[in-house]
N, C-alpha and C. Protein backbone atom coordinates (compact mmCIF):
# COMPACT_ATOMS: atom_id res chain seq x y z
N UNK A 1 31.76 51.92 -22.64
CA UNK A 1 30.74 50.96 -22.30
C UNK A 1 29.61 51.06 -23.33
N UNK A 2 29.23 49.97 -23.92
CA UNK A 2 28.17 49.97 -24.92
C UNK A 2 26.80 49.98 -24.24
N UNK A 3 25.76 50.28 -25.02
CA UNK A 3 24.40 50.28 -24.48
C UNK A 3 24.03 48.91 -23.95
N UNK A 4 24.52 47.87 -24.59
CA UNK A 4 24.24 46.50 -24.17
C UNK A 4 24.78 46.24 -22.75
N UNK A 5 25.92 46.83 -22.45
CA UNK A 5 26.54 46.64 -21.13
C UNK A 5 25.82 47.42 -20.03
N UNK A 6 24.94 48.35 -20.41
CA UNK A 6 24.21 49.15 -19.44
C UNK A 6 22.85 48.55 -19.10
N UNK A 7 22.49 47.45 -19.76
CA UNK A 7 21.20 46.81 -19.53
C UNK A 7 21.34 45.71 -18.49
N UNK A 8 20.23 45.40 -17.84
CA UNK A 8 20.21 44.39 -16.80
C UNK A 8 19.64 43.08 -17.32
N UNK A 9 20.16 42.00 -16.79
CA UNK A 9 19.71 40.66 -17.14
C UNK A 9 19.43 39.89 -15.86
N UNK A 10 18.63 38.85 -15.98
CA UNK A 10 18.34 38.00 -14.83
C UNK A 10 18.92 36.62 -15.09
N UNK A 11 19.76 36.16 -14.20
CA UNK A 11 20.37 34.84 -14.31
C UNK A 11 19.40 33.84 -13.70
N UNK A 12 18.91 32.91 -14.50
CA UNK A 12 17.90 31.95 -14.04
C UNK A 12 18.49 30.86 -13.16
N UNK A 13 19.79 30.71 -13.16
CA UNK A 13 20.45 29.70 -12.32
C UNK A 13 20.73 30.27 -10.93
N UNK A 14 21.36 31.43 -10.89
CA UNK A 14 21.70 32.04 -9.60
C UNK A 14 20.57 32.91 -9.05
N UNK A 15 19.61 33.24 -9.92
CA UNK A 15 18.49 34.13 -9.59
C UNK A 15 18.98 35.50 -9.12
N UNK A 16 20.02 35.99 -9.77
CA UNK A 16 20.60 37.29 -9.48
C UNK A 16 20.50 38.18 -10.72
N UNK A 17 20.42 39.48 -10.47
CA UNK A 17 20.47 40.46 -11.56
C UNK A 17 21.92 40.69 -11.92
N UNK A 18 22.18 40.88 -13.21
CA UNK A 18 23.54 41.12 -13.70
C UNK A 18 23.53 42.32 -14.63
N UNK A 19 24.49 43.19 -14.45
CA UNK A 19 24.64 44.35 -15.33
C UNK A 19 25.45 43.91 -16.55
N UNK A 20 24.80 43.94 -17.70
CA UNK A 20 25.46 43.46 -18.91
C UNK A 20 25.28 41.96 -19.06
N UNK A 21 25.44 41.46 -20.27
CA UNK A 21 25.25 40.02 -20.53
C UNK A 21 26.46 39.21 -20.05
N UNK A 22 26.46 38.82 -18.79
CA UNK A 22 27.58 38.08 -18.20
C UNK A 22 27.43 36.57 -18.34
N UNK A 23 26.23 36.07 -18.14
CA UNK A 23 25.99 34.63 -18.15
C UNK A 23 25.71 34.13 -19.56
N UNK A 24 25.83 32.82 -19.77
CA UNK A 24 25.47 32.26 -21.08
C UNK A 24 24.00 32.58 -21.39
N UNK A 25 23.69 32.76 -22.64
CA UNK A 25 22.34 33.15 -23.05
C UNK A 25 21.29 32.14 -22.57
N UNK A 26 21.65 30.89 -22.43
CA UNK A 26 20.70 29.87 -21.98
C UNK A 26 20.36 30.02 -20.50
N UNK A 27 21.09 30.88 -19.78
CA UNK A 27 20.87 31.06 -18.35
C UNK A 27 20.41 32.46 -17.99
N UNK A 28 20.00 33.25 -18.98
CA UNK A 28 19.61 34.61 -18.64
C UNK A 28 18.35 35.04 -19.38
N UNK A 29 17.67 35.98 -18.76
CA UNK A 29 16.50 36.62 -19.38
C UNK A 29 16.79 38.11 -19.44
N UNK A 30 16.26 38.74 -20.43
CA UNK A 30 16.47 40.17 -20.55
C UNK A 30 16.77 40.53 -21.98
N UNK A 31 17.09 41.76 -22.17
CA UNK A 31 17.51 42.76 -21.20
C UNK A 31 16.33 43.49 -20.56
N UNK A 32 16.61 44.07 -19.42
CA UNK A 32 15.68 44.90 -18.66
C UNK A 32 16.31 46.26 -18.45
N UNK A 33 15.47 47.26 -18.25
CA UNK A 33 15.94 48.63 -18.11
C UNK A 33 16.58 48.91 -16.75
N UNK A 34 16.20 48.12 -15.74
CA UNK A 34 16.71 48.38 -14.39
C UNK A 34 16.99 47.08 -13.66
N UNK A 35 17.75 47.20 -12.60
CA UNK A 35 18.03 46.03 -11.76
C UNK A 35 16.73 45.51 -11.15
N UNK A 36 15.87 46.41 -10.74
CA UNK A 36 14.58 46.02 -10.15
C UNK A 36 13.76 45.20 -11.14
N UNK A 37 13.70 45.64 -12.39
CA UNK A 37 12.97 44.88 -13.41
C UNK A 37 13.59 43.50 -13.61
N UNK A 38 14.90 43.44 -13.64
CA UNK A 38 15.58 42.15 -13.81
C UNK A 38 15.23 41.21 -12.66
N UNK A 39 15.19 41.73 -11.44
CA UNK A 39 14.86 40.90 -10.28
C UNK A 39 13.40 40.46 -10.29
N UNK A 40 12.57 41.17 -11.04
CA UNK A 40 11.16 40.80 -11.18
C UNK A 40 10.90 40.03 -12.47
N UNK A 41 11.92 39.45 -13.04
CA UNK A 41 11.80 38.78 -14.34
C UNK A 41 10.72 37.71 -14.36
N UNK A 42 10.65 36.87 -13.35
CA UNK A 42 9.65 35.80 -13.33
C UNK A 42 8.24 36.40 -13.30
N UNK A 43 8.03 37.47 -12.55
CA UNK A 43 6.71 38.12 -12.50
C UNK A 43 6.36 38.73 -13.86
N UNK A 44 7.34 39.34 -14.50
CA UNK A 44 7.12 39.94 -15.81
C UNK A 44 6.77 38.86 -16.83
N UNK A 45 7.47 37.74 -16.79
CA UNK A 45 7.19 36.63 -17.71
C UNK A 45 5.78 36.08 -17.46
N UNK A 46 5.42 35.89 -16.21
CA UNK A 46 4.09 35.37 -15.88
C UNK A 46 3.00 36.32 -16.37
N UNK A 47 3.18 37.61 -16.17
CA UNK A 47 2.19 38.60 -16.62
C UNK A 47 2.08 38.60 -18.14
N UNK A 48 3.20 38.56 -18.82
CA UNK A 48 3.16 38.55 -20.30
C UNK A 48 2.49 37.29 -20.81
N UNK A 49 2.79 36.16 -20.21
CA UNK A 49 2.16 34.90 -20.63
C UNK A 49 0.65 34.95 -20.43
N UNK A 50 0.22 35.51 -19.29
CA UNK A 50 -1.22 35.65 -19.02
C UNK A 50 -1.87 36.53 -20.07
N UNK A 51 -1.25 37.66 -20.37
CA UNK A 51 -1.80 38.58 -21.38
C UNK A 51 -1.87 37.92 -22.75
N UNK A 52 -0.83 37.18 -23.11
CA UNK A 52 -0.83 36.51 -24.42
C UNK A 52 -1.88 35.42 -24.48
N UNK A 53 -2.07 34.69 -23.39
CA UNK A 53 -3.08 33.64 -23.35
C UNK A 53 -4.48 34.25 -23.48
N UNK A 54 -4.73 35.36 -22.77
CA UNK A 54 -6.02 36.04 -22.88
C UNK A 54 -6.25 36.55 -24.29
N UNK A 55 -5.21 37.12 -24.89
CA UNK A 55 -5.32 37.62 -26.26
C UNK A 55 -5.59 36.46 -27.23
N UNK A 56 -4.92 35.34 -27.03
CA UNK A 56 -5.11 34.18 -27.89
C UNK A 56 -6.54 33.65 -27.74
N UNK A 57 -7.04 33.60 -26.51
CA UNK A 57 -8.42 33.13 -26.28
C UNK A 57 -9.44 34.04 -26.95
N UNK A 58 -9.22 35.37 -26.88
CA UNK A 58 -10.11 36.31 -27.56
C UNK A 58 -10.06 36.10 -29.06
N UNK A 59 -8.88 35.87 -29.60
CA UNK A 59 -8.73 35.66 -31.03
C UNK A 59 -9.44 34.38 -31.46
N UNK A 60 -9.28 33.31 -30.68
CA UNK A 60 -9.92 32.04 -31.02
C UNK A 60 -11.45 32.14 -30.95
N UNK A 61 -11.96 32.87 -29.97
CA UNK A 61 -13.41 32.97 -29.82
C UNK A 61 -14.02 33.90 -30.87
N UNK A 62 -13.22 34.73 -31.50
CA UNK A 62 -13.73 35.64 -32.53
C UNK A 62 -13.88 34.96 -33.88
N UNK A 63 -13.34 33.78 -34.01
CA UNK A 63 -13.42 33.07 -35.30
C UNK A 63 -14.75 32.47 -35.54
């Protein structure tokens, strides 16, 4: 089993965690280190987007 097969992915269509890249790339997010992280994919994406938006706003205001 390769390292890639040991990682978790989140299927955006079925909203299920999958061990290894089973679904087409257009239907999955990841990889994640754990099944729990994969199941929290939408929360992780939202948090990252918020952080990036805040960082972008700080960068724009510093100009």
